[in-house]
Amino acid sequence: VSVEEMQEYTTVSHHLDDDRFIGLQPRLHPAWLAARAERIMRHNFSIPTSIHTESRVQYLAPAWAGQSVTVGAHCIDVFERKDRHRVRFDCLIRGEDGTDLARLRHTTIFKQAND
């Protein structure tokens, strides 16, 4: 993710002017990191809509813009609750130098009863 992309994400998507995320050497915004779970799910499956229900995020190291990040995921559960099909998976976000940046446990509804 480029420095410019993170600056735009922070100012446009989140309406923030926090130097930690828009300065000359910005960090990756925590919400951007957490959103990688939905992105990897949509990369691997054709799901037209989803409803995020829960994320547990463990930030492991400072994450800076201007680097490539790799996201991996492992499905740990698929279940139905209240007529909604849900998936839960664990993700790992790793920086280009091999540093683990964050771990996520992500749960989302991928199919509703009327779908």
PDB file of N, CA and C in Angstrom:
ATOM      1  N   VAL A   1       0.858  -1.170   0.000  1.00  0.00           N
ATOM      2  CA  VAL A   1       0.000   0.000   0.000  1.00  0.00           C
ATOM      3  C   VAL A   1       0.904   1.234   0.000  1.00  0.00           C
ATOM      4  N   SER A   2       0.635   2.136  -0.915  1.00  0.00           N
ATOM      5  CA  SER A   2       1.491   3.310  -1.053  1.00  0.00           C
ATOM      6  C   SER A   2       1.178   4.349   0.028  1.00  0.00           C
ATOM      7  N   VAL A   3       2.122   5.248   0.218  1.00  0.00           N
ATOM      8  CA  VAL A   3       1.936   6.367   1.150  1.00  0.00           C
ATOM      9  C   VAL A   3       0.725   7.185   0.721  1.00  0.00           C
ATOM     10  N   GLU A   4       0.625   7.451  -0.574  1.00  0.00           N
ATOM     11  CA  GLU A   4      -0.492   8.256  -1.085  1.00  0.00           C
ATOM     12  C   GLU A   4      -1.836   7.569  -0.863  1.00  0.00           C
ATOM     13  N   GLU A   5      -1.872   6.249  -1.087  1.00  0.00           N
ATOM     14  CA  GLU A   5      -3.115   5.498  -0.877  1.00  0.00           C
ATOM     15  C   GLU A   5      -3.558   5.575   0.586  1.00  0.00           C
ATOM     16  N   MET A   6      -2.618   5.460   1.509  1.00  0.00           N
ATOM     17  CA  MET A   6      -2.976   5.518   2.932  1.00  0.00           C
ATOM     18  C   MET A   6      -3.412   6.925   3.313  1.00  0.00           C
ATOM     19  N   GLN A   7      -2.764   7.933   2.769  1.00  0.00           N
ATOM     20  CA  GLN A   7      -3.166   9.304   3.052  1.00  0.00           C
ATOM     21  C   GLN A   7      -4.591   9.559   2.557  1.00  0.00           C
ATOM     22  N   GLU A   8      -4.910   9.083   1.361  1.00  0.00           N
ATOM     23  CA  GLU A   8      -6.259   9.247   0.823  1.00  0.00           C
ATOM     24  C   GLU A   8      -7.282   8.445   1.632  1.00  0.00           C
ATOM     25  N   TYR A   9      -6.941   7.219   1.975  1.00  0.00           N
ATOM     26  CA  TYR A   9      -7.839   6.385   2.782  1.00  0.00           C
ATOM     27  C   TYR A   9      -8.194   7.097   4.090  1.00  0.00           C
ATOM     28  N   THR A  10      -7.188   7.650   4.737  1.00  0.00           N
ATOM     29  CA  THR A  10      -7.396   8.297   6.036  1.00  0.00           C
ATOM     30  C   THR A  10      -8.217   9.573   5.906  1.00  0.00           C
ATOM     31  N   THR A  11      -7.894  10.394   4.926  1.00  0.00           N
ATOM     32  CA  THR A  11      -8.581  11.687   4.822  1.00  0.00           C
ATOM     33  C   THR A  11      -9.954  11.584   4.175  1.00  0.00           C
ATOM     34  N   VAL A  12     -10.113  10.717   3.179  1.00  0.00           N
ATOM     35  CA  VAL A  12     -11.383  10.614   2.460  1.00  0.00           C
ATOM     36  C   VAL A  12     -12.337   9.645   3.155  1.00  0.00           C
ATOM     37  N   SER A  13     -11.871   8.444   3.448  1.00  0.00           N
ATOM     38  CA  SER A  13     -12.754   7.424   4.046  1.00  0.00           C
ATOM     39  C   SER A  13     -13.063   7.695   5.514  1.00  0.00           C
ATOM     40  N   HIS A  14     -12.090   8.239   6.235  1.00  0.00           N
ATOM     41  CA  HIS A  14     -12.268   8.415   7.676  1.00  0.00           C
ATOM     42  C   HIS A  14     -12.273   9.869   8.129  1.00  0.00           C
ATOM     43  N   HIS A  15     -12.083  10.783   7.204  1.00  0.00           N
ATOM     44  CA  HIS A  15     -12.151  12.226   7.498  1.00  0.00           C
ATOM     45  C   HIS A  15     -11.265  12.613   8.683  1.00  0.00           C
ATOM     46  N   LEU A  16     -10.056  12.062   8.689  1.00  0.00           N
ATOM     47  CA  LEU A  16      -9.097  12.364   9.749  1.00  0.00           C
ATOM     48  C   LEU A  16      -7.924  13.145   9.180  1.00  0.00           C
ATOM     49  N   ASP A  17      -7.314  13.968  10.021  1.00  0.00           N
ATOM     50  CA  ASP A  17      -6.088  14.644   9.618  1.00  0.00           C
ATOM     51  C   ASP A  17      -4.969  14.326  10.601  1.00  0.00           C
ATOM     52  N   ASP A  18      -4.947  13.097  11.045  1.00  0.00           N
ATOM     53  CA  ASP A  18      -3.981  12.611  12.022  1.00  0.00           C
ATOM     54  C   ASP A  18      -2.638  12.331  11.335  1.00  0.00           C
ATOM     55  N   ASP A  19      -1.591  13.015  11.765  1.00  0.00           N
ATOM     56  CA  ASP A  19      -0.268  12.873  11.145  1.00  0.00           C
ATOM     57  C   ASP A  19       0.269  11.444  11.199  1.00  0.00           C
ATOM     58  N   ARG A  20      -0.206  10.639  12.139  1.00  0.00           N
ATOM     59  CA  ARG A  20       0.266   9.249  12.194  1.00  0.00           C
ATOM     60  C   ARG A  20      -0.097   8.486  10.927  1.00  0.00           C
ATOM     61  N   PHE A  21      -1.177   8.909  10.245  1.00  0.00           N
ATOM     62  CA  PHE A  21      -1.667   8.187   9.072  1.00  0.00           C
ATOM     63  C   PHE A  21      -1.603   8.989   7.780  1.00  0.00           C
ATOM     64  N   ILE A  22      -1.223  10.274   7.859  1.00  0.00           N
ATOM     65  CA  ILE A  22      -1.134  11.077   6.636  1.00  0.00           C
ATOM     66  C   ILE A  22       0.190  11.815   6.503  1.00  0.00           C
ATOM     67  N   GLY A  23       1.074  11.660   7.457  1.00  0.00           N
ATOM     68  CA  GLY A  23       2.352  12.365   7.410  1.00  0.00           C
ATOM     69  C   GLY A  23       3.267  11.806   6.331  1.00  0.00           C
ATOM     70  N   LEU A  24       4.533  12.183   6.389  1.00  0.00           N
ATOM     71  CA  LEU A  24       5.492  11.757   5.379  1.00  0.00           C
ATOM     72  C   LEU A  24       5.779  10.256   5.452  1.00  0.00           C
ATOM     73  N   GLN A  25       5.701   9.687   6.638  1.00  0.00           N
ATOM     74  CA  GLN A  25       5.900   8.242   6.805  1.00  0.00           C
ATOM     75  C   GLN A  25       4.700   7.692   7.588  1.00  0.00           C
ATOM     76  N   PRO A  26       3.530   7.576   6.930  1.00  0.00           N
ATOM     77  CA  PRO A  26       2.325   7.190   7.663  1.00  0.00           C
ATOM     78  C   PRO A  26       2.279   5.704   8.018  1.00  0.00           C
ATOM     79  N   ARG A  27       1.637   5.441   9.138  1.00  0.00           N
ATOM     80  CA  ARG A  27       1.325   4.062   9.503  1.00  0.00           C
ATOM     81  C   ARG A  27       0.113   3.617   8.705  1.00  0.00           C
ATOM     82  N   LEU A  28      -0.061   2.318   8.579  1.00  0.00           N
ATOM     83  CA  LEU A  28      -1.288   1.782   8.001  1.00  0.00           C
ATOM     84  C   LEU A  28      -2.389   1.951   9.033  1.00  0.00           C
ATOM     85  N   HIS A  29      -3.500   2.499   8.613  1.00  0.00           N
ATOM     86  CA  HIS A  29      -4.613   2.765   9.529  1.00  0.00           C
ATOM     87  C   HIS A  29      -5.149   1.439  10.076  1.00  0.00           C
ATOM     88  N   PRO A  30      -5.463   1.351  11.368  1.00  0.00           N
ATOM     89  CA  PRO A  30      -5.985   0.099  11.946  1.00  0.00           C
ATOM     90  C   PRO A  30      -7.232  -0.426  11.227  1.00  0.00           C
ATOM     91  N   ALA A  31      -8.100   0.467  10.783  1.00  0.00           N
ATOM     92  CA  ALA A  31      -9.297   0.026  10.062  1.00  0.00           C
ATOM     93  C   ALA A  31      -8.928  -0.559   8.699  1.00  0.00           C
ATOM     94  N   TRP A  32      -7.907  -0.030   8.062  1.00  0.00           N
ATOM     95  CA  TRP A  32      -7.456  -0.574   6.784  1.00  0.00           C
ATOM     96  C   TRP A  32      -6.933  -1.990   6.980  1.00  0.00           C
ATOM     97  N   LEU A  33      -6.157  -2.182   8.038  1.00  0.00           N
ATOM     98  CA  LEU A  33      -5.642  -3.525   8.332  1.00  0.00           C
ATOM     99  C   LEU A  33      -6.792  -4.502   8.609  1.00  0.00           C
ATOM    100  N   ALA A  34      -7.748  -4.079   9.419  1.00  0.00           N
ATOM    101  CA  ALA A  34      -8.878  -4.954   9.758  1.00  0.00           C
ATOM    102  C   ALA A  34      -9.717  -5.296   8.524  1.00  0.00           C
ATOM    103  N   ALA A  35      -9.804  -4.383   7.578  1.00  0.00           N
ATOM    104  CA  ALA A  35     -10.610  -4.609   6.377  1.00  0.00           C
ATOM    105  C   ALA A  35      -9.988  -5.628   5.426  1.00  0.00           C
ATOM    106  N   ARG A  36      -8.735  -5.998   5.637  1.00  0.00           N
ATOM    107  CA  ARG A  36      -8.103  -6.986   4.761  1.00  0.00           C
ATOM    108  C   ARG A  36      -8.826  -8.330   4.836  1.00  0.00           C
ATOM    109  N   ALA A  37      -9.497  -8.634   5.944  1.00  0.00           N
ATOM    110  CA  ALA A  37     -10.214  -9.903   6.059  1.00  0.00           C
ATOM    111  C   ALA A  37     -11.336 -10.000   5.031  1.00  0.00           C
ATOM    112  N   GLU A  38     -12.135  -8.959   4.892  1.00  0.00           N
ATOM    113  CA  GLU A  38     -13.210  -8.969   3.888  1.00  0.00           C
ATOM    114  C   GLU A  38     -12.610  -9.014   2.480  1.00  0.00           C
ATOM    115  N   ARG A  39     -11.518  -8.317   2.275  1.00  0.00           N
ATOM    116  CA  ARG A  39     -10.896  -8.297   0.949  1.00  0.00           C
ATOM    117  C   ARG A  39     -10.411  -9.677   0.535  1.00  0.00           C
ATOM    118  N   ILE A  40      -9.788 -10.402   1.454  1.00  0.00           N
ATOM    119  CA  ILE A  40      -9.284 -11.722   1.080  1.00  0.00           C
ATOM    120  C   ILE A  40     -10.448 -12.690   0.868  1.00  0.00           C
ATOM    121  N   MET A  41     -11.534 -12.536   1.623  1.00  0.00           N
ATOM    122  CA  MET A  41     -12.693 -13.391   1.420  1.00  0.00           C
ATOM    123  C   MET A  41     -13.264 -13.159   0.023  1.00  0.00           C
ATOM    124  N   ARG A  42     -13.414 -11.927  -0.367  1.00  0.00           N
ATOM    125  CA  ARG A  42     -13.965 -11.606  -1.689  1.00  0.00           C
ATOM    126  C   ARG A  42     -12.998 -11.969  -2.813  1.00  0.00           C
ATOM    127  N   HIS A  43     -11.724 -12.013  -2.517  1.00  0.00           N
ATOM    128  CA  HIS A  43     -10.738 -12.447  -3.506  1.00  0.00           C
ATOM    129  C   HIS A  43     -10.895 -13.938  -3.811  1.00  0.00           C
ATOM    130  N   ASN A  44     -11.271 -14.699  -2.798  1.00  0.00           N
ATOM    131  CA  ASN A  44     -11.336 -16.151  -2.939  1.00  0.00           C
ATOM    132  C   ASN A  44     -12.725 -16.700  -3.245  1.00  0.00           C
ATOM    133  N   PHE A  45     -13.769 -15.931  -2.944  1.00  0.00           N
ATOM    134  CA  PHE A  45     -15.133 -16.417  -3.137  1.00  0.00           C
ATOM    135  C   PHE A  45     -15.974 -15.344  -3.815  1.00  0.00           C
ATOM    136  N   SER A  46     -16.943 -15.787  -4.602  1.00  0.00           N
ATOM    137  CA  SER A  46     -17.869 -14.866  -5.248  1.00  0.00           C
ATOM    138  C   SER A  46     -19.060 -14.649  -4.322  1.00  0.00           C
ATOM    139  N   ILE A  47     -18.957 -13.637  -3.494  1.00  0.00           N
ATOM    140  CA  ILE A  47     -19.994 -13.313  -2.515  1.00  0.00           C
ATOM    141  C   ILE A  47     -20.443 -11.886  -2.809  1.00  0.00           C
ATOM    142  N   PRO A  48     -21.681 -11.709  -3.322  1.00  0.00           N
ATOM    143  CA  PRO A  48     -22.111 -10.362  -3.705  1.00  0.00           C
ATOM    144  C   PRO A  48     -22.270  -9.408  -2.522  1.00  0.00           C
ATOM    145  N   THR A  49     -22.717  -9.916  -1.391  1.00  0.00           N
ATOM    146  CA  THR A  49     -22.874  -9.064  -0.207  1.00  0.00           C
ATOM    147  C   THR A  49     -22.445  -9.840   1.031  1.00  0.00           C
ATOM    148  N   SER A  50     -22.106  -9.113   2.040  1.00  0.00           N
ATOM    149  CA  SER A  50     -21.784  -9.728   3.330  1.00  0.00           C
ATOM    150  C   SER A  50     -22.034  -8.696   4.416  1.00  0.00           C
ATOM    151  N   ILE A  51     -22.204  -9.189   5.627  1.00  0.00           N
ATOM    152  CA  ILE A  51     -22.414  -8.316   6.784  1.00  0.00           C
ATOM    153  C   ILE A  51     -21.389  -8.706   7.833  1.00  0.00           C
ATOM    154  N   HIS A  52     -20.456  -7.818   8.064  1.00  0.00           N
ATOM    155  CA  HIS A  52     -19.431  -8.059   9.075  1.00  0.00           C
ATOM    156  C   HIS A  52     -20.095  -8.094  10.443  1.00  0.00           C
ATOM    157  N   THR A  53     -19.810  -9.117  11.232  1.00  0.00           N
ATOM    158  CA  THR A  53     -20.418  -9.216  12.558  1.00  0.00           C
ATOM    159  C   THR A  53     -19.424  -9.095  13.704  1.00  0.00           C
ATOM    160  N   GLU A  54     -18.191  -9.514  13.483  1.00  0.00           N
ATOM    161  CA  GLU A  54     -17.229  -9.452  14.585  1.00  0.00           C
ATOM    162  C   GLU A  54     -15.808  -9.575  14.053  1.00  0.00           C
ATOM    163  N   SER A  55     -14.914  -8.831  14.655  1.00  0.00           N
ATOM    164  CA  SER A  55     -13.479  -8.995  14.402  1.00  0.00           C
ATOM    165  C   SER A  55     -12.729  -8.851  15.707  1.00  0.00           C
ATOM    166  N   ARG A  56     -11.774  -9.699  15.868  1.00  0.00           N
ATOM    167  CA  ARG A  56     -10.817  -9.579  16.967  1.00  0.00           C
ATOM    168  C   ARG A  56      -9.469  -9.377  16.304  1.00  0.00           C
ATOM    169  N   VAL A  57      -8.831  -8.273  16.632  1.00  0.00           N
ATOM    170  CA  VAL A  57      -7.588  -7.910  15.967  1.00  0.00           C
ATOM    171  C   VAL A  57      -6.479  -7.820  17.003  1.00  0.00           C
ATOM    172  N   GLN A  58      -5.359  -8.430  16.682  1.00  0.00           N
ATOM    173  CA  GLN A  58      -4.172  -8.326  17.518  1.00  0.00           C
ATOM    174  C   GLN A  58      -3.089  -7.676  16.660  1.00  0.00           C
ATOM    175  N   TYR A  59      -2.732  -6.445  16.987  1.00  0.00           N
ATOM    176  CA  TYR A  59      -1.687  -5.738  16.266  1.00  0.00           C
ATOM    177  C   TYR A  59      -0.349  -6.179  16.848  1.00  0.00           C
ATOM    178  N   LEU A  60       0.560  -6.627  15.993  1.00  0.00           N
ATOM    179  CA  LEU A  60       1.796  -7.258  16.453  1.00  0.00           C
ATOM    180  C   LEU A  60       3.036  -6.393  16.295  1.00  0.00           C
ATOM    181  N   ALA A  61       3.003  -5.493  15.314  1.00  0.00           N
ATOM    182  CA  ALA A  61       4.177  -4.656  15.043  1.00  0.00           C
ATOM    183  C   ALA A  61       3.715  -3.394  14.328  1.00  0.00           C
ATOM    184  N   PRO A  62       4.513  -2.332  14.381  1.00  0.00           N
ATOM    185  CA  PRO A  62       4.158  -1.137  13.617  1.00  0.00           C
ATOM    186  C   PRO A  62       4.056  -1.475  12.133  1.00  0.00           C
ATOM    187  N   ALA A  63       3.021  -0.959  11.505  1.00  0.00           N
ATOM    188  CA  ALA A  63       2.780  -1.235  10.090  1.00  0.00           C
ATOM    189  C   ALA A  63       2.839   0.085   9.336  1.00  0.00           C
ATOM    190  N   TRP A  64       3.789   0.195   8.428  1.00  0.00           N
ATOM    191  CA  TRP A  64       4.032   1.443   7.721  1.00  0.00           C
ATOM    192  C   TRP A  64       3.551   1.357   6.285  1.00  0.00           C
ATOM    193  N   ALA A  65       3.018   2.454   5.769  1.00  0.00           N
ATOM    194  CA  ALA A  65       2.670   2.546   4.353  1.00  0.00           C
ATOM    195  C   ALA A  65       3.956   2.559   3.541  1.00  0.00           C
ATOM    196  N   GLY A  66       3.820   2.290   2.249  1.00  0.00           N
ATOM    197  CA  GLY A  66       4.986   2.277   1.383  1.00  0.00           C
ATOM    198  C   GLY A  66       5.594   0.896   1.248  1.00  0.00           C
ATOM    199  N   GLN A  67       4.862  -0.130   1.624  1.00  0.00           N
ATOM    200  CA  GLN A  67       5.354  -1.497   1.504  1.00  0.00           C
ATOM    201  C   GLN A  67       4.236  -2.399   0.984  1.00  0.00           C
ATOM    202  N   SER A  68       4.628  -3.543   0.489  1.00  0.00           N
ATOM    203  CA  SER A  68       3.654  -4.563   0.121  1.00  0.00           C
ATOM    204  C   SER A  68       3.318  -5.359   1.367  1.00  0.00           C
ATOM    205  N   VAL A  69       2.059  -5.724   1.482  1.00  0.00           N
ATOM    206  CA  VAL A  69       1.656  -6.609   2.569  1.00  0.00           C
ATOM    207  C   VAL A  69       1.032  -7.861   1.960  1.00  0.00           C
ATOM    208  N   THR A  70       1.190  -8.956   2.663  1.00  0.00           N
ATOM    209  CA  THR A  70       0.616 -10.230   2.252  1.00  0.00           C
ATOM    210  C   THR A  70      -0.398 -10.640   3.297  1.00  0.00           C
ATOM    211  N   VAL A  71      -1.564 -11.075   2.822  1.00  0.00           N
ATOM    212  CA  VAL A  71      -2.631 -11.496   3.726  1.00  0.00           C
ATOM    213  C   VAL A  71      -2.949 -12.951   3.434  1.00  0.00           C
ATOM    214  N   GLY A  72      -2.945 -13.755   4.461  1.00  0.00           N
ATOM    215  CA  GLY A  72      -3.339 -15.157   4.344  1.00  0.00           C
ATOM    216  C   GLY A  72      -4.496 -15.418   5.283  1.00  0.00           C
ATOM    217  N   ALA A  73      -5.326 -16.397   4.935  1.00  0.00           N
ATOM    218  CA  ALA A  73      -6.488 -16.702   5.765  1.00  0.00           C
ATOM    219  C   ALA A  73      -6.732 -18.198   5.794  1.00  0.00           C
ATOM    220  N   HIS A  74      -7.357 -18.616   6.872  1.00  0.00           N
ATOM    221  CA  HIS A  74      -7.718 -20.014   7.067  1.00  0.00           C
ATOM    222  C   HIS A  74      -9.128 -20.061   7.635  1.00  0.00           C
ATOM    223  N   CYS A  75     -10.036 -20.716   6.916  1.00  0.00           N
ATOM    224  CA  CYS A  75     -11.419 -20.853   7.391  1.00  0.00           C
ATOM    225  C   CYS A  75     -11.435 -21.800   8.583  1.00  0.00           C
ATOM    226  N   ILE A  76     -12.012 -21.350   9.695  1.00  0.00           N
ATOM    227  CA  ILE A  76     -12.067 -22.210  10.876  1.00  0.00           C
ATOM    228  C   ILE A  76     -13.479 -22.677  11.215  1.00  0.00           C
ATOM    229  N   ASP A  77     -14.510 -22.032  10.626  1.00  0.00           N
ATOM    230  CA  ASP A  77     -15.878 -22.450  10.929  1.00  0.00           C
ATOM    231  C   ASP A  77     -16.845 -21.845   9.917  1.00  0.00           C
ATOM    232  N   VAL A  78     -17.833 -22.637   9.543  1.00  0.00           N
ATOM    233  CA  VAL A  78     -18.973 -22.166   8.758  1.00  0.00           C
ATOM    234  C   VAL A  78     -20.193 -22.668   9.511  1.00  0.00           C
ATOM    235  N   PHE A  79     -21.120 -21.758   9.812  1.00  0.00           N
ATOM    236  CA  PHE A  79     -22.260 -22.149  10.636  1.00  0.00           C
ATOM    237  C   PHE A  79     -23.465 -21.286  10.330  1.00  0.00           C
ATOM    238  N   GLU A  80     -24.611 -21.714  10.839  1.00  0.00           N
ATOM    239  CA  GLU A  80     -25.849 -20.978  10.651  1.00  0.00           C
ATOM    240  C   GLU A  80     -26.348 -20.529  12.018  1.00  0.00           C
ATOM    241  N   ARG A  81     -26.788 -19.295  12.064  1.00  0.00           N
ATOM    242  CA  ARG A  81     -27.353 -18.730  13.292  1.00  0.00           C
ATOM    243  C   ARG A  81     -28.422 -17.738  12.887  1.00  0.00           C
ATOM    244  N   LYS A  82     -29.606 -17.892  13.445  1.00  0.00           N
ATOM    245  CA  LYS A  82     -30.743 -17.011  13.138  1.00  0.00           C
ATOM    246  C   LYS A  82     -30.994 -16.930  11.631  1.00  0.00           C
ATOM    247  N   ASP A  83     -30.996 -18.079  10.973  1.00  0.00           N
ATOM    248  CA  ASP A  83     -31.249 -18.183   9.528  1.00  0.00           C
ATOM    249  C   ASP A  83     -30.237 -17.430   8.675  1.00  0.00           C
ATOM    250  N   ARG A  84     -29.062 -17.230   9.188  1.00  0.00           N
ATOM    251  CA  ARG A  84     -28.006 -16.564   8.436  1.00  0.00           C
ATOM    252  C   ARG A  84     -26.765 -17.444   8.435  1.00  0.00           C
ATOM    253  N   HIS A  85     -26.187 -17.612   7.259  1.00  0.00           N
ATOM    254  CA  HIS A  85     -24.980 -18.417   7.116  1.00  0.00           C
ATOM    255  C   HIS A  85     -23.767 -17.528   7.380  1.00  0.00           C
ATOM    256  N   ARG A  86     -22.916 -18.013   8.241  1.00  0.00           N
ATOM    257  CA  ARG A  86     -21.747 -17.228   8.652  1.00  0.00           C
ATOM    258  C   ARG A  86     -20.471 -18.012   8.415  1.00  0.00           C
ATOM    259  N   VAL A  87     -19.409 -17.282   8.266  1.00  0.00           N
ATOM    260  CA  VAL A  87     -18.092 -17.877   8.148  1.00  0.00           C
ATOM    261  C   VAL A  87     -17.163 -17.157   9.126  1.00  0.00           C
ATOM    262  N   ARG A  88     -16.288 -17.938   9.723  1.00  0.00           N
ATOM    263  CA  ARG A  88     -15.283 -17.381  10.640  1.00  0.00           C
ATOM    264  C   ARG A  88     -13.925 -17.854  10.145  1.00  0.00           C
ATOM    265  N   PHE A  89     -12.997 -16.923  10.051  1.00  0.00           N
ATOM    266  CA  PHE A  89     -11.669 -17.306   9.612  1.00  0.00           C
ATOM    267  C   PHE A  89     -10.603 -16.475  10.308  1.00  0.00           C
ATOM    268  N   ASP A  90      -9.429 -17.051  10.364  1.00  0.00           N
ATOM    269  CA  ASP A  90      -8.271 -16.382  10.927  1.00  0.00           C
ATOM    270  C   ASP A  90      -7.412 -15.850   9.793  1.00  0.00           C
ATOM    271  N   CYS A  91      -6.911 -14.641   9.978  1.00  0.00           N
ATOM    272  CA  CYS A  91      -6.050 -14.000   8.983  1.00  0.00           C
ATOM    273  C   CYS A  91      -4.729 -13.610   9.622  1.00  0.00           C
ATOM    274  N   LEU A  92      -3.712 -13.598   8.802  1.00  0.00           N
ATOM    275  CA  LEU A  92      -2.410 -13.077   9.197  1.00  0.00           C
ATOM    276  C   LEU A  92      -1.988 -12.063   8.154  1.00  0.00           C
ATOM    277  N   ILE A  93      -1.576 -10.888   8.608  1.00  0.00           N
ATOM    278  CA  ILE A  93      -1.076  -9.844   7.720  1.00  0.00           C
ATOM    279  C   ILE A  93       0.420  -9.715   7.976  1.00  0.00           C
ATOM    280  N   ARG A  94       1.187  -9.840   6.910  1.00  0.00           N
ATOM    281  CA  ARG A  94       2.645  -9.838   7.031  1.00  0.00           C
ATOM    282  C   ARG A  94       3.220  -8.739   6.145  1.00  0.00           C
ATOM    283  N   GLY A  95       4.206  -8.025   6.678  1.00  0.00           N
ATOM    284  CA  GLY A  95       4.892  -6.981   5.918  1.00  0.00           C
ATOM    285  C   GLY A  95       5.861  -7.580   4.914  1.00  0.00           C
ATOM    286  N   GLU A  96       6.363  -6.730   4.014  1.00  0.00           N
ATOM    287  CA  GLU A  96       7.233  -7.242   2.950  1.00  0.00           C
ATOM    288  C   GLU A  96       8.563  -7.770   3.471  1.00  0.00           C
ATOM    289  N   ASP A  97       8.950  -7.389   4.679  1.00  0.00           N
ATOM    290  CA  ASP A  97      10.189  -7.913   5.257  1.00  0.00           C
ATOM    291  C   ASP A  97       9.956  -9.196   6.059  1.00  0.00           C
ATOM    292  N   GLY A  98       8.718  -9.709   6.036  1.00  0.00           N
ATOM    293  CA  GLY A  98       8.404 -10.949   6.740  1.00  0.00           C
ATOM    294  C   GLY A  98       7.893 -10.757   8.153  1.00  0.00           C
ATOM    295  N   THR A  99       7.797  -9.510   8.610  1.00  0.00           N
ATOM    296  CA  THR A  99       7.300  -9.230   9.955  1.00  0.00           C
ATOM    297  C   THR A  99       5.782  -9.434  10.012  1.00  0.00           C
ATOM    298  N   ASP A 100       5.323 -10.169  11.001  1.00  0.00           N
ATOM    299  CA  ASP A 100       3.886 -10.310  11.222  1.00  0.00           C
ATOM    300  C   ASP A 100       3.363  -8.999  11.801  1.00  0.00           C
ATOM    301  N   LEU A 101       2.410  -8.383  11.075  1.00  0.00           N
ATOM    302  CA  LEU A 101       1.888  -7.083  11.474  1.00  0.00           C
ATOM    303  C   LEU A 101       0.617  -7.191  12.312  1.00  0.00           C
ATOM    304  N   ALA A 102      -0.264  -8.122  11.955  1.00  0.00           N
ATOM    305  CA  ALA A 102      -1.532  -8.249  12.679  1.00  0.00           C
ATOM    306  C   ALA A 102      -2.125  -9.639  12.449  1.00  0.00           C
ATOM    307  N   ARG A 103      -2.880 -10.092  13.453  1.00  0.00           N
ATOM    308  CA  ARG A 103      -3.693 -11.300  13.351  1.00  0.00           C
ATOM    309  C   ARG A 103      -5.135 -10.892  13.549  1.00  0.00           C
ATOM    310  N   LEU A 104      -6.023 -11.529  12.778  1.00  0.00           N
ATOM    311  CA  LEU A 104      -7.450 -11.223  12.897  1.00  0.00           C
ATOM    312  C   LEU A 104      -8.244 -12.520  12.979  1.00  0.00           C
ATOM    313  N   ARG A 105      -9.259 -12.524  13.789  1.00  0.00           N
ATOM    314  CA  ARG A 105     -10.311 -13.541  13.735  1.00  0.00           C
ATOM    315  C   ARG A 105     -11.553 -12.788  13.289  1.00  0.00           C
ATOM    316  N   HIS A 106     -12.065 -13.159  12.133  1.00  0.00           N
ATOM    317  CA  HIS A 106     -13.103 -12.386  11.461  1.00  0.00           C
ATOM    318  C   HIS A 106     -14.339 -13.251  11.244  1.00  0.00           C
ATOM    319  N   THR A 107     -15.511 -12.697  11.557  1.00  0.00           N
ATOM    320  CA  THR A 107     -16.783 -13.396  11.336  1.00  0.00           C
ATOM    321  C   THR A 107     -17.683 -12.504  10.510  1.00  0.00           C
ATOM    322  N   THR A 108     -18.322 -13.102   9.507  1.00  0.00           N
ATOM    323  CA  THR A 108     -19.201 -12.359   8.630  1.00  0.00           C
ATOM    324  C   THR A 108     -20.362 -13.219   8.173  1.00  0.00           C
ATOM    325  N   ILE A 109     -21.496 -12.591   7.926  1.00  0.00           N
ATOM    326  CA  ILE A 109     -22.660 -13.259   7.332  1.00  0.00           C
ATOM    327  C   ILE A 109     -22.459 -13.213   5.831  1.00  0.00           C
ATOM    328  N   PHE A 110     -22.536 -14.374   5.175  1.00  0.00           N
ATOM    329  CA  PHE A 110     -22.364 -14.386   3.735  1.00  0.00           C
ATOM    330  C   PHE A 110     -23.630 -14.804   2.992  1.00  0.00           C
ATOM    331  N   LYS A 111     -24.647 -15.263   3.727  1.00  0.00           N
ATOM    332  CA  LYS A 111     -25.911 -15.615   3.087  1.00  0.00           C
ATOM    333  C   LYS A 111     -27.022 -15.480   4.096  1.00  0.00           C
ATOM    334  N   GLN A 112     -28.067 -14.728   3.705  1.00  0.00           N
ATOM    335  CA  GLN A 112     -29.234 -14.575   4.559  1.00  0.00           C
ATOM    336  C   GLN A 112     -30.305 -15.555   4.121  1.00  0.00           C
ATOM    337  N   ALA A 113     -31.292 -15.772   4.947  1.00  0.00           N
ATOM    338  CA  ALA A 113     -32.331 -16.751   4.674  1.00  0.00           C
ATOM    339  C   ALA A 113     -33.066 -16.471   3.364  1.00  0.00           C
ATOM    340  N   ASN A 114     -33.245 -15.221   3.003  1.00  0.00           N
ATOM    341  CA  ASN A 114     -33.982 -14.884   1.792  1.00  0.00           C
ATOM    342  C   ASN A 114     -33.132 -14.806   0.543  1.00  0.00           C
ATOM    343  N   ASP A 115     -31.830 -15.084   0.660  1.00  0.00           N
ATOM    344  CA  ASP A 115     -30.929 -15.050  -0.516  1.00  0.00           C
ATOM    345  C   ASP A 115     -31.148 -16.271  -1.390  1.00  0.00           C
TER     346      ASP A 115
END
